[in-house]
C-alpha atoms as a PDB file:
ATOM      1  CA  MET A   1      -6.881 -19.227 -40.827  1.00  0.00           C
ATOM      2  CA  LYS A   2      -8.935 -17.858 -37.946  1.00  0.00           C
ATOM      3  CA  ARG A   3     -12.048 -18.860 -39.879  1.00  0.00           C
ATOM      4  CA  THR A   4     -10.715 -22.400 -40.048  1.00  0.00           C
ATOM      5  CA  HIS A   5     -10.005 -22.463 -36.279  1.00  0.00           C
ATOM      6  CA  PHE A   6     -13.380 -21.083 -35.573  1.00  0.00           C
ATOM      7  CA  PHE A   7     -15.118 -23.862 -37.551  1.00  0.00           C
ATOM      8  CA  HIS A   8     -12.925 -26.369 -35.838  1.00  0.00           C
ATOM      9  CA  GLY A   9     -13.865 -25.037 -32.368  1.00  0.00           C
ATOM     10  CA  ILE A  10     -17.484 -25.167 -33.254  1.00  0.00           C
ATOM     11  CA  LEU A  11     -17.075 -28.838 -34.517  1.00  0.00           C
ATOM     12  CA  LEU A  12     -15.320 -29.825 -31.292  1.00  0.00           C
ATOM     13  CA  ILE A  13     -18.077 -28.257 -29.336  1.00  0.00           C
ATOM     14  CA  VAL A  14     -20.863 -30.167 -31.192  1.00  0.00           C
ATOM     15  CA  LEU A  15     -18.931 -33.493 -30.888  1.00  0.00           C
ATOM     16  CA  ILE A  16     -18.523 -32.984 -27.122  1.00  0.00           C
ATOM     17  CA  LEU A  17     -22.303 -32.035 -26.683  1.00  0.00           C
ATOM     18  CA  SER A  18     -23.259 -35.078 -28.879  1.00  0.00           C
ATOM     19  CA  PHE A  19     -21.240 -37.272 -26.759  1.00  0.00           C
ATOM     20  CA  MET A  20     -22.639 -35.920 -23.675  1.00  0.00           C
ATOM     21  CA  ALA A  21     -26.246 -36.389 -25.062  1.00  0.00           C
ATOM     22  CA  CYS A  22     -25.519 -39.936 -26.020  1.00  0.00           C
ATOM     23  CA  LYS A  23     -24.288 -40.658 -22.545  1.00  0.00           C
ATOM     24  CA  ASP A  24     -27.268 -39.028 -20.962  1.00  0.00           C
ATOM     25  CA  ASP A  25     -29.580 -41.136 -23.359  1.00  0.00           C
ATOM     26  CA  HIS A  26     -28.620 -44.240 -21.389  1.00  0.00           C
ATOM     27  CA  GLY A  27     -30.451 -43.034 -18.294  1.00  0.00           C
ATOM     28  CA  PRO A  28     -30.724 -44.901 -14.997  1.00  0.00           C
ATOM     29  CA  ILE A  29     -31.029 -48.665 -14.879  1.00  0.00           C
ATOM     30  CA  TYR A  30     -34.503 -50.078 -13.827  1.00  0.00           C
ATOM     31  CA  LEU A  31     -36.441 -53.343 -14.107  1.00  0.00           C
ATOM     32  CA  VAL A  32     -39.838 -54.211 -15.675  1.00  0.00           C
ATOM     33  CA  SER A  33     -41.873 -57.298 -15.506  1.00  0.00           C
ATOM     34  CA  ALA A  34     -41.331 -59.539 -18.521  1.00  0.00           C
ATOM     35  CA  THR A  35     -45.115 -60.365 -18.201  1.00  0.00           C
ATOM     36  CA  ASP A  36     -46.995 -57.211 -17.775  1.00  0.00           C
ATOM     37  CA  HIS A  37     -44.028 -54.707 -18.383  1.00  0.00           C
ATOM     38  CA  GLN A  38     -44.789 -52.889 -15.084  1.00  0.00           C
ATOM     39  CA  GLN A  39     -41.761 -51.234 -13.658  1.00  0.00           C
ATOM     40  CA  ILE A  40     -40.496 -51.734 -10.082  1.00  0.00           C
ATOM     41  CA  THR A  41     -40.544 -48.385  -8.653  1.00  0.00           C
ATOM     42  CA  ASP A  42     -39.719 -48.955  -4.864  1.00  0.00           C
ATOM     43  CA  GLY A  43     -36.630 -50.943  -5.429  1.00  0.00           C
ATOM     44  CA  LYS A  44     -38.203 -53.997  -3.581  1.00  0.00           C
ATOM     45  CA  LEU A  45     -39.484 -57.409  -4.801  1.00  0.00           C
ATOM     46  CA  GLU A  46     -41.396 -59.978  -2.885  1.00  0.00           C
ATOM     47  CA  ILE A  47     -41.306 -63.612  -4.054  1.00  0.00           C
ATOM     48  CA  SER A  48     -43.203 -66.560  -2.966  1.00  0.00           C
ATOM     49  CA  PRO A  49     -40.877 -69.506  -2.131  1.00  0.00           C
ATOM     50  CA  PHE A  50     -43.333 -71.642  -4.392  1.00  0.00           C
ATOM     51  CA  SER A  51     -42.596 -69.583  -7.383  1.00  0.00           C
ATOM     52  CA  LYS A  52     -40.609 -71.140 -10.199  1.00  0.00           C
ATOM     53  CA  GLY A  53     -39.051 -67.889 -10.851  1.00  0.00           C
ATOM     54  CA  GLU A  54     -39.845 -64.258 -11.571  1.00  0.00           C
ATOM     55  CA  LYS A  55     -38.690 -62.702 -14.931  1.00  0.00           C
ATOM     56  CA  PHE A  56     -37.611 -59.221 -15.517  1.00  0.00           C
ATOM     57  CA  LEU A  57     -36.158 -57.035 -18.264  1.00  0.00           C
ATOM     58  CA  ILE A  58     -33.245 -54.689 -17.586  1.00  0.00           C
ATOM     59  CA  ARG A  59     -33.793 -51.261 -19.132  1.00  0.00           C
ATOM     60  CA  GLY A  60     -31.606 -48.100 -19.102  1.00  0.00           C
ATOM     61  CA  GLY A  61     -27.893 -47.905 -18.664  1.00  0.00           C
ATOM     62  CA  ASP A  62     -25.571 -48.643 -21.509  1.00  0.00           C
ATOM     63  CA  GLY A  63     -26.595 -52.297 -22.126  1.00  0.00           C
ATOM     64  CA  ASN A  64     -23.389 -53.863 -20.752  1.00  0.00           C
ATOM     65  CA  TYR A  65     -24.721 -55.139 -17.454  1.00  0.00           C
ATOM     66  CA  THR A  66     -22.970 -56.907 -14.545  1.00  0.00           C
ATOM     67  CA  ILE A  67     -24.934 -58.545 -11.887  1.00  0.00           C
ATOM     68  CA  LYS A  68     -24.004 -59.270  -8.283  1.00  0.00           C
ATOM     69  CA  ASN A  69     -26.208 -61.401  -6.022  1.00  0.00           C
ATOM     70  CA  GLU A  70     -25.675 -60.904  -2.208  1.00  0.00           C
ATOM     71  CA  LYS A  71     -26.979 -64.217  -0.946  1.00  0.00           C
ATOM     72  CA  LYS A  72     -27.361 -67.082  -3.166  1.00  0.00           C
ATOM     73  CA  GLU A  73     -28.858 -69.291  -0.454  1.00  0.00           C
ATOM     74  CA  VAL A  74     -31.969 -66.951  -0.528  1.00  0.00           C
ATOM     75  CA  VAL A  75     -32.263 -66.099  -4.146  1.00  0.00           C
ATOM     76  CA  ASP A  76     -30.385 -67.423  -7.238  1.00  0.00           C
ATOM     77  CA  TYR A  77     -30.696 -65.851 -10.760  1.00  0.00           C
ATOM     78  CA  ARG A  78     -30.295 -66.507 -14.411  1.00  0.00           C
ATOM     79  CA  TYR A  79     -29.588 -63.862 -17.068  1.00  0.00           C
ATOM     80  CA  ASP A  80     -29.570 -64.756 -20.865  1.00  0.00           C
ATOM     81  CA  GLY A  81     -28.515 -61.163 -21.951  1.00  0.00           C
ATOM     82  CA  ASP A  82     -32.228 -60.241 -22.303  1.00  0.00           C
ATOM     83  CA  THR A  83     -34.330 -61.747 -19.459  1.00  0.00           C
ATOM     84  CA  LEU A  84     -33.226 -61.710 -15.774  1.00  0.00           C
ATOM     85  CA  THR A  85     -35.006 -64.397 -13.818  1.00  0.00           C
ATOM     86  CA  PHE A  86     -34.929 -64.512  -9.935  1.00  0.00           C
ATOM     87  CA  ILE A  87     -35.372 -67.910  -8.462  1.00  0.00           C
ATOM     88  CA  PRO A  88     -36.292 -68.311  -4.767  1.00  0.00           C
ATOM     89  CA  VAL A  89     -34.061 -70.832  -2.780  1.00  0.00           C
ATOM     90  CA  SER A  90     -35.156 -70.235   0.863  1.00  0.00           C
ATOM     91  CA  ILE A  91     -37.075 -67.790   3.182  1.00  0.00           C
ATOM     92  CA  GLY A  92     -35.027 -64.573   3.776  1.00  0.00           C
ATOM     93  CA  GLU A  93     -33.952 -61.355   2.289  1.00  0.00           C
ATOM     94  CA  THR A  94     -31.148 -60.339  -0.049  1.00  0.00           C
ATOM     95  CA  SER A  95     -30.201 -57.698  -2.474  1.00  0.00           C
ATOM     96  CA  THR A  96     -28.990 -57.723  -6.086  1.00  0.00           C
ATOM     97  CA  LEU A  97     -26.748 -55.060  -7.650  1.00  0.00           C
ATOM     98  CA  ILE A  98     -27.116 -54.375 -11.411  1.00  0.00           C
ATOM     99  CA  ALA A  99     -24.330 -52.127 -12.827  1.00  0.00           C
ATOM    100  CA  ASP A 100     -22.945 -51.019 -16.231  1.00  0.00           C
ATOM    101  CA  ARG A 101     -19.673 -49.635 -17.555  1.00  0.00           C
ATOM    102  CA  SER A 102     -20.912 -46.108 -17.664  1.00  0.00           C
ATOM    103  CA  GLY A 103     -21.300 -45.768 -13.967  1.00  0.00           C
ATOM    104  CA  ASN A 104     -25.029 -46.485 -13.638  1.00  0.00           C
ATOM    105  CA  SER A 105     -26.246 -48.989 -10.914  1.00  0.00           C
ATOM    106  CA  TYR A 106     -29.499 -50.234  -9.473  1.00  0.00           C
ATOM    107  CA  THR A 107     -29.910 -52.082  -6.197  1.00  0.00           C
ATOM    108  CA  LEU A 108     -33.052 -54.453  -5.794  1.00  0.00           C
ATOM    109  CA  THR A 109     -33.963 -55.654  -2.291  1.00  0.00           C
ATOM    110  CA  ILE A 110     -35.661 -59.227  -2.629  1.00  0.00           C
ATOM    111  CA  VAL A 111     -37.689 -60.767   0.024  1.00  0.00           C
ATOM    112  CA  VAL A 112     -38.618 -64.470  -0.189  1.00  0.00           C
ATOM    113  CA  ASN A 113     -41.749 -64.999   2.059  1.00  0.00           C
ATOM    114  CA  ASN A 114     -44.775 -67.331   2.233  1.00  0.00           C
ATOM    115  CA  PRO A 115     -47.756 -65.630   0.536  1.00  0.00           C
ATOM    116  CA  GLN A 116     -50.092 -63.835   2.748  1.00  0.00           C
ATOM    117  CA  ASN A 117     -53.636 -62.139   2.751  1.00  0.00           C
ATOM    118  CA  ASN A 118     -53.972 -59.436   5.355  1.00  0.00           C
ATOM    119  CA  TYR A 119     -57.501 -58.085   5.977  1.00  0.00           C
ATOM    120  CA  ARG A 120     -58.325 -55.036   8.169  1.00  0.00           C
ATOM    121  CA  VAL A 121     -61.711 -55.183   9.885  1.00  0.00           C
ATOM    122  CA  GLU A 122     -63.604 -52.060   9.302  1.00  0.00           C
ATOM    123  CA  SER A 123     -66.745 -53.019  11.088  1.00  0.00           C
ATOM    124  CA  ILE A 124     -68.949 -56.079  12.338  1.00  0.00           C
ATOM    125  CA  SER A 125     -72.505 -56.685  11.383  1.00  0.00           C
ATOM    126  CA  ALA A 126     -74.964 -59.322  11.910  1.00  0.00           C
ATOM    127  CA  GLU A 127     -77.778 -60.983   9.982  1.00  0.00           C
ATOM    128  CA  VAL A 128     -80.542 -63.159  11.506  1.00  0.00           C
ATOM    129  CA  GLU A 129     -83.519 -65.093  10.216  1.00  0.00           C
ATOM    130  CA  GLY A 130     -86.486 -66.403  12.153  1.00  0.00           C
ATOM    131  CA  ASN A 131     -90.269 -65.744  11.614  1.00  0.00           C
ATOM    132  CA  ASP A 132     -90.886 -66.258  15.259  1.00  0.00           C
ATOM    133  CA  LEU A 133     -88.387 -63.699  16.535  1.00  0.00           C
ATOM    134  CA  THR A 134     -89.945 -60.770  18.178  1.00  0.00           C
ATOM    135  CA  LYS A 135     -88.681 -57.325  17.233  1.00  0.00           C
ATOM    136  CA  GLY A 136     -86.999 -57.033  20.739  1.00  0.00           C
ATOM    137  CA  GLU A 137     -85.302 -60.392  20.365  1.00  0.00           C
ATOM    138  CA  GLU A 138     -84.070 -59.545  16.751  1.00  0.00           C
ATOM    139  CA  THR A 139     -82.690 -56.218  18.054  1.00  0.00           C
ATOM    140  CA  GLU A 140     -80.792 -57.827  21.069  1.00  0.00           C
ATOM    141  CA  LEU A 141     -79.635 -60.764  18.906  1.00  0.00           C
ATOM    142  CA  LEU A 142     -78.043 -58.269  16.271  1.00  0.00           C
ATOM    143  CA  ALA A 143     -76.258 -56.437  19.031  1.00  0.00           C
ATOM    144  CA  ARG A 144     -74.908 -59.627  20.765  1.00  0.00           C
ATOM    145  CA  ILE A 145     -73.615 -61.278  17.654  1.00  0.00           C
ATOM    146  CA  ALA A 146     -71.589 -58.179  16.717  1.00  0.00           C
ATOM    147  CA  GLU A 147     -70.194 -57.601  20.247  1.00  0.00           C
ATOM    148  CA  ASP A 148     -69.264 -61.288  20.716  1.00  0.00           C
ATOM    149  CA  ALA A 149     -66.929 -61.227  17.633  1.00  0.00           C
ATOM    150  CA  PRO A 150     -63.407 -62.441  18.376  1.00  0.00           C
ATOM    151  CA  VAL A 151     -62.007 -59.394  16.425  1.00  0.00           C
ATOM    152  CA  GLN A 152     -63.390 -55.707  16.498  1.00  0.00           C
ATOM    153  CA  SER A 153     -63.068 -52.827  14.220  1.00  0.00           C
ATOM    154  CA  GLY A 154     -59.427 -51.957  13.706  1.00  0.00           C
ATOM    155  CA  GLY A 155     -58.313 -55.632  14.220  1.00  0.00           C
ATOM    156  CA  ARG A 156     -56.863 -57.713  11.499  1.00  0.00           C
ATOM    157  CA  LEU A 157     -57.119 -61.282  10.013  1.00  0.00           C
ATOM    158  CA  LEU A 158     -53.659 -62.318   8.605  1.00  0.00           C
ATOM    159  CA  PHE A 159     -53.795 -65.545   6.515  1.00  0.00           C
ATOM    160  CA  THR A 160     -50.263 -67.014   5.766  1.00  0.00           C
ATOM    161  CA  TYR A 161     -50.113 -69.955   3.252  1.00  0.00           C
ATOM    162  CA  SER A 162     -47.661 -72.836   3.896  1.00  0.00           C
ATOM    163  CA  ASP A 163     -48.134 -74.827   0.566  1.00  0.00           C
ATOM    164  CA  ALA A 164     -47.969 -74.196  -3.244  1.00  0.00           C
ATOM    165  CA  SER A 165     -51.603 -74.938  -3.828  1.00  0.00           C
ATOM    166  CA  LEU A 166     -52.636 -72.249  -1.116  1.00  0.00           C
ATOM    167  CA  THR A 167     -54.815 -74.543   0.568  1.00  0.00           C
ATOM    168  CA  LEU A 168     -53.233 -74.757   4.116  1.00  0.00           C
ATOM    169  CA  GLY A 169     -51.613 -72.360   6.501  1.00  0.00           C
ATOM    170  CA  ASP A 170     -52.013 -70.384   9.743  1.00  0.00           C
ATOM    171  CA  LEU A 171     -54.383 -67.508  10.624  1.00  0.00           C
ATOM    172  CA  LYS A 172     -53.309 -64.678  13.102  1.00  0.00           C
ATOM    173  CA  ILE A 173     -56.299 -62.875  14.570  1.00  0.00           C
ATOM    174  CA  PHE A 174     -55.490 -59.526  15.803  1.00  0.00           C
ATOM    175  CA  PRO A 175     -58.436 -58.521  18.105  1.00  0.00           C
ATOM    176  CA  GLY A 176     -57.718 -54.778  18.095  1.00  0.00           C
ATOM    177  CA  ASN A 177     -55.135 -52.389  16.654  1.00  0.00           C
ATOM    178  CA  THR A 178     -52.437 -53.746  19.101  1.00  0.00           C
ATOM    179  CA  GLY A 179     -49.788 -56.285  18.354  1.00  0.00           C
ATOM    180  CA  ASN A 180     -51.371 -59.045  20.340  1.00  0.00           C
ATOM    181  CA  TYR A 181     -52.806 -61.988  18.355  1.00  0.00           C
ATOM    182  CA  GLN A 182     -54.373 -65.414  18.537  1.00  0.00           C
ATOM    183  CA  ILE A 183     -53.063 -68.008  16.147  1.00  0.00           C
ATOM    184  CA  GLY A 184     -54.690 -71.129  14.619  1.00  0.00           C
ATOM    185  CA  ILE A 185     -54.282 -73.410  11.431  1.00  0.00           C
ATOM    186  CA  PHE A 186     -56.678 -73.460   8.456  1.00  0.00           C
ATOM    187  CA  LYS A 187     -57.625 -75.398   5.412  1.00  0.00           C
ATOM    188  CA  ARG A 188     -58.922 -73.494   2.527  1.00  0.00           C
ATOM    189  CA  THR A 189     -61.636 -74.707  -0.055  1.00  0.00           C
ATOM    190  CA  LEU A 190     -63.454 -73.134  -2.978  1.00  0.00           C
ATOM    191  CA  LYS A 191     -67.204 -73.247  -2.463  1.00  0.00           C
ATOM    192  CA  TYR A 192     -70.346 -71.861  -3.996  1.00  0.00           C
ATOM    193  CA  THR A 193     -73.511 -70.691  -2.519  1.00  0.00           C
ATOM    194  CA  GLU A 194     -76.535 -72.941  -2.758  1.00  0.00           C
ATOM    195  CA  ASP A 195     -78.908 -70.179  -3.839  1.00  0.00           C
ATOM    196  CA  THR A 196     -76.974 -68.103  -6.387  1.00  0.00           C
ATOM    197  CA  GLY A 197     -73.812 -70.140  -7.102  1.00  0.00           C
ATOM    198  CA  GLU A 198     -71.610 -67.294  -6.014  1.00  0.00           C
ATOM    199  CA  PRO A 199     -68.001 -68.418  -5.380  1.00  0.00           C
ATOM    200  CA  TYR A 200     -66.460 -68.055  -1.976  1.00  0.00           C
ATOM    201  CA  LEU A 201     -63.412 -69.309  -0.034  1.00  0.00           C
ATOM    202  CA  GLN A 202     -64.233 -71.407   2.973  1.00  0.00           C
ATOM    203  CA  PHE A 203     -61.526 -71.302   5.822  1.00  0.00           C
ATOM    204  CA  GLN A 204     -61.999 -74.136   8.403  1.00  0.00           C
ATOM    205  CA  VAL A 205     -59.763 -72.759  11.329  1.00  0.00           C
ATOM    206  CA  GLU A 206     -58.708 -74.554  14.412  1.00  0.00           C
ATOM    207  CA  MET A 207     -57.324 -72.248  17.060  1.00  0.00           C
ATOM    208  CA  ALA A 208     -54.201 -73.228  18.995  1.00  0.00           C
ATOM    209  CA  GLY A 209     -54.564 -74.069  22.771  1.00  0.00           C
ATOM    210  CA  SER A 210     -58.371 -73.820  22.497  1.00  0.00           C
ATOM    211  CA  THR A 211     -61.330 -75.823  21.615  1.00  0.00           C
ATOM    212  CA  THR A 212     -62.549 -72.913  19.559  1.00  0.00           C
ATOM    213  CA  ASN A 213     -63.074 -73.455  15.813  1.00  0.00           C
ATOM    214  CA  TYR A 214     -64.348 -71.169  13.056  1.00  0.00           C
ATOM    215  CA  THR A 215     -65.691 -71.594   9.753  1.00  0.00           C
ATOM    216  CA  PHE A 216     -65.368 -68.439   7.692  1.00  0.00           C
ATOM    217  CA  MET A 217     -66.712 -67.744   4.171  1.00  0.00           C
ATOM    218  CA  LEU A 218     -64.777 -65.028   2.329  1.00  0.00           C
ATOM    219  CA  PHE A 219     -66.343 -63.166  -0.472  1.00  0.00           C
ATOM    220  CA  GLU A 220     -64.466 -60.725  -2.472  1.00  0.00           C
ATOM    221  CA  ASN A 221     -65.878 -57.420  -3.995  1.00  0.00           C
ATOM    222  CA  GLU A 222     -68.517 -56.622  -1.438  1.00  0.00           C
ATOM    223  CA  THR A 223     -71.769 -54.972  -2.655  1.00  0.00           C
ATOM    224  CA  SER A 224     -73.934 -55.612   0.335  1.00  0.00           C
ATOM    225  CA  SER A 225     -76.259 -53.219   1.990  1.00  0.00           C
ATOM    226  CA  THR A 226     -77.958 -52.784   5.423  1.00  0.00           C
ATOM    227  CA  GLN A 227     -81.249 -54.356   4.356  1.00  0.00           C
ATOM    228  CA  THR A 228     -81.610 -57.941   3.222  1.00  0.00           C
ATOM    229  CA  ALA A 229     -84.479 -60.192   2.112  1.00  0.00           C
ATOM    230  CA  ASP A 230     -87.735 -60.739   3.869  1.00  0.00           C
ATOM    231  CA  ASN A 231     -87.535 -61.844   7.583  1.00  0.00           C
ATOM    232  CA  THR A 232     -83.797 -61.089   7.463  1.00  0.00           C
ATOM    233  CA  SER A 233     -82.228 -58.043   9.187  1.00  0.00           C
ATOM    234  CA  SER A 234     -78.805 -56.685   9.303  1.00  0.00           C
ATOM    235  CA  THR A 235     -76.838 -53.713  11.071  1.00  0.00           C
ATOM    236  CA  ASN A 236     -73.302 -52.659  11.502  1.00  0.00           C
ATOM    237  CA  GLU A 237     -71.211 -50.244  13.504  1.00  0.00           C
ATOM    238  CA  GLU A 238     -71.072 -47.554  10.647  1.00  0.00           C
ATOM    239  CA  GLY A 239     -74.554 -48.037   9.331  1.00  0.00           C
ATOM    240  CA  ALA A 240     -73.613 -49.197   5.973  1.00  0.00           C
ATOM    241  CA  ALA A 241     -71.122 -51.582   4.240  1.00  0.00           C
ATOM    242  CA  THR A 242     -68.511 -49.768   2.246  1.00  0.00           C
ATOM    243  CA  THR A 243     -65.542 -52.109   2.130  1.00  0.00           C
ATOM    244  CA  ASN A 244     -64.436 -54.310  -0.660  1.00  0.00           C
ATOM    245  CA  CYS A 245     -64.740 -57.820   0.808  1.00  0.00           C
ATOM    246  CA  PHE A 246     -66.308 -59.542   3.731  1.00  0.00           C
ATOM    247  CA  ILE A 247     -66.262 -62.779   5.802  1.00  0.00           C
ATOM    248  CA  LYS A 248     -69.543 -64.424   6.716  1.00  0.00           C
ATOM    249  CA  GLU A 249     -69.600 -66.688   9.817  1.00  0.00           C
ATOM    250  CA  GLU A 250     -72.587 -68.903  10.728  1.00  0.00           C
ATOM    251  CA  VAL A 251     -73.336 -68.669  14.543  1.00  0.00           C
ATOM    252  CA  THR A 252     -76.723 -70.081  14.627  1.00  0.00           C
ATOM    253  CA  ALA A 253     -75.760 -72.766  17.060  1.00  0.00           C
ATOM    254  CA  GLN A 254     -74.378 -70.299  19.519  1.00  0.00           C
ATOM    255  CA  TYR A 255     -77.594 -68.504  19.933  1.00  0.00           C
ATOM    256  CA  LYS A 256     -80.409 -71.067  19.040  1.00  0.00           C
ATOM    257  CA  GLY A 257     -80.766 -72.406  22.630  1.00  0.00           C
ATOM    258  CA  GLU A 258     -81.543 -68.861  23.979  1.00  0.00           C
ATOM    259  CA  PHE A 259     -83.543 -67.588  21.007  1.00  0.00           C
ATOM    260  CA  SER A 260     -85.944 -70.484  20.159  1.00  0.00           C
ATOM    261  CA  GLY A 261     -87.445 -68.580  17.126  1.00  0.00           C
ATOM    262  CA  LEU A 262     -84.059 -68.217  15.436  1.00  0.00           C
ATOM    263  CA  THR A 263     -83.434 -70.254  12.364  1.00  0.00           C
ATOM    264  CA  LYS A 264     -80.297 -68.682  10.836  1.00  0.00           C
ATOM    265  CA  ALA A 265     -77.576 -66.273  12.199  1.00  0.00           C
ATOM    266  CA  TYR A 266     -74.580 -64.917  10.592  1.00  0.00           C
ATOM    267  CA  ARG A 267     -71.684 -62.591  11.830  1.00  0.00           C
ATOM    268  CA  ILE A 268     -70.263 -60.564   9.088  1.00  0.00           C
ATOM    269  CA  TYR A 269     -66.797 -58.929   9.063  1.00  0.00           C
ATOM    270  CA  HIS A 270     -66.539 -56.153   6.682  1.00  0.00           C
ATOM    271  CA  LEU A 271     -63.014 -55.851   5.465  1.00  0.00           C
ATOM    272  CA  THR A 272     -60.454 -53.963   3.578  1.00  0.00           C
ATOM    273  CA  LYS A 273     -57.732 -56.144   1.888  1.00  0.00           C
ATOM    274  CA  GLN A 274     -54.344 -54.608   2.802  1.00  0.00           C
ATOM    275  CA  PRO A 275     -51.484 -54.401   0.265  1.00  0.00           C
END
């Protein structure tokens, strides 16, 4: 009789442990992208207002999910039992709570905002061309072009797009590491260099409250060095270009009157693209 009670006790313990193990197997709830299966790890999702919907798969928990959306006027959702789709409605911020019947829950903050590209200026360099430039003129001109830049090291260029095709928007130029900035509007066009056919993005910028206009040529994946082709010189504040992209601005017209031997002049912003 005691042996029977003993085996019954062992069986009960095994059943309890098995039940607890099954419950633990559910684990916490989380989301992975339906496209690349990358997990959202920081509890935050940013969506473009031009998106037709961002699709995710719910993982973890016991599989019986309830979804509560805080602000339907910002983000709506669709859930078919397998795929959860977030649909932007308007600019703003909201949160979505996903819970199951076992007490697991997950809260996701969703921000709907216009797409942005944010670049930090690491250094400024210059390139000049001209067979008739003296060495002294060349040195002076290189320094002048870098010093006259509207933004210096530590400043930022923030492009915010206002249309689904990502061709129009506004540009905020932060001259330094303070919060002050100048603002303008831009039009973006895909272009190719005449000599190598390398693609770049051209930004034609009109600054607000000013007659100043800029034409920026944005190149991604920078591999430039401090020495260029014959009759072309370059320099920058750090001595070398080590950033991952750059903007090239032709400034020949600004200096041609003072330096008659000049044929081409460029100001180059060495950038790091911010997340």
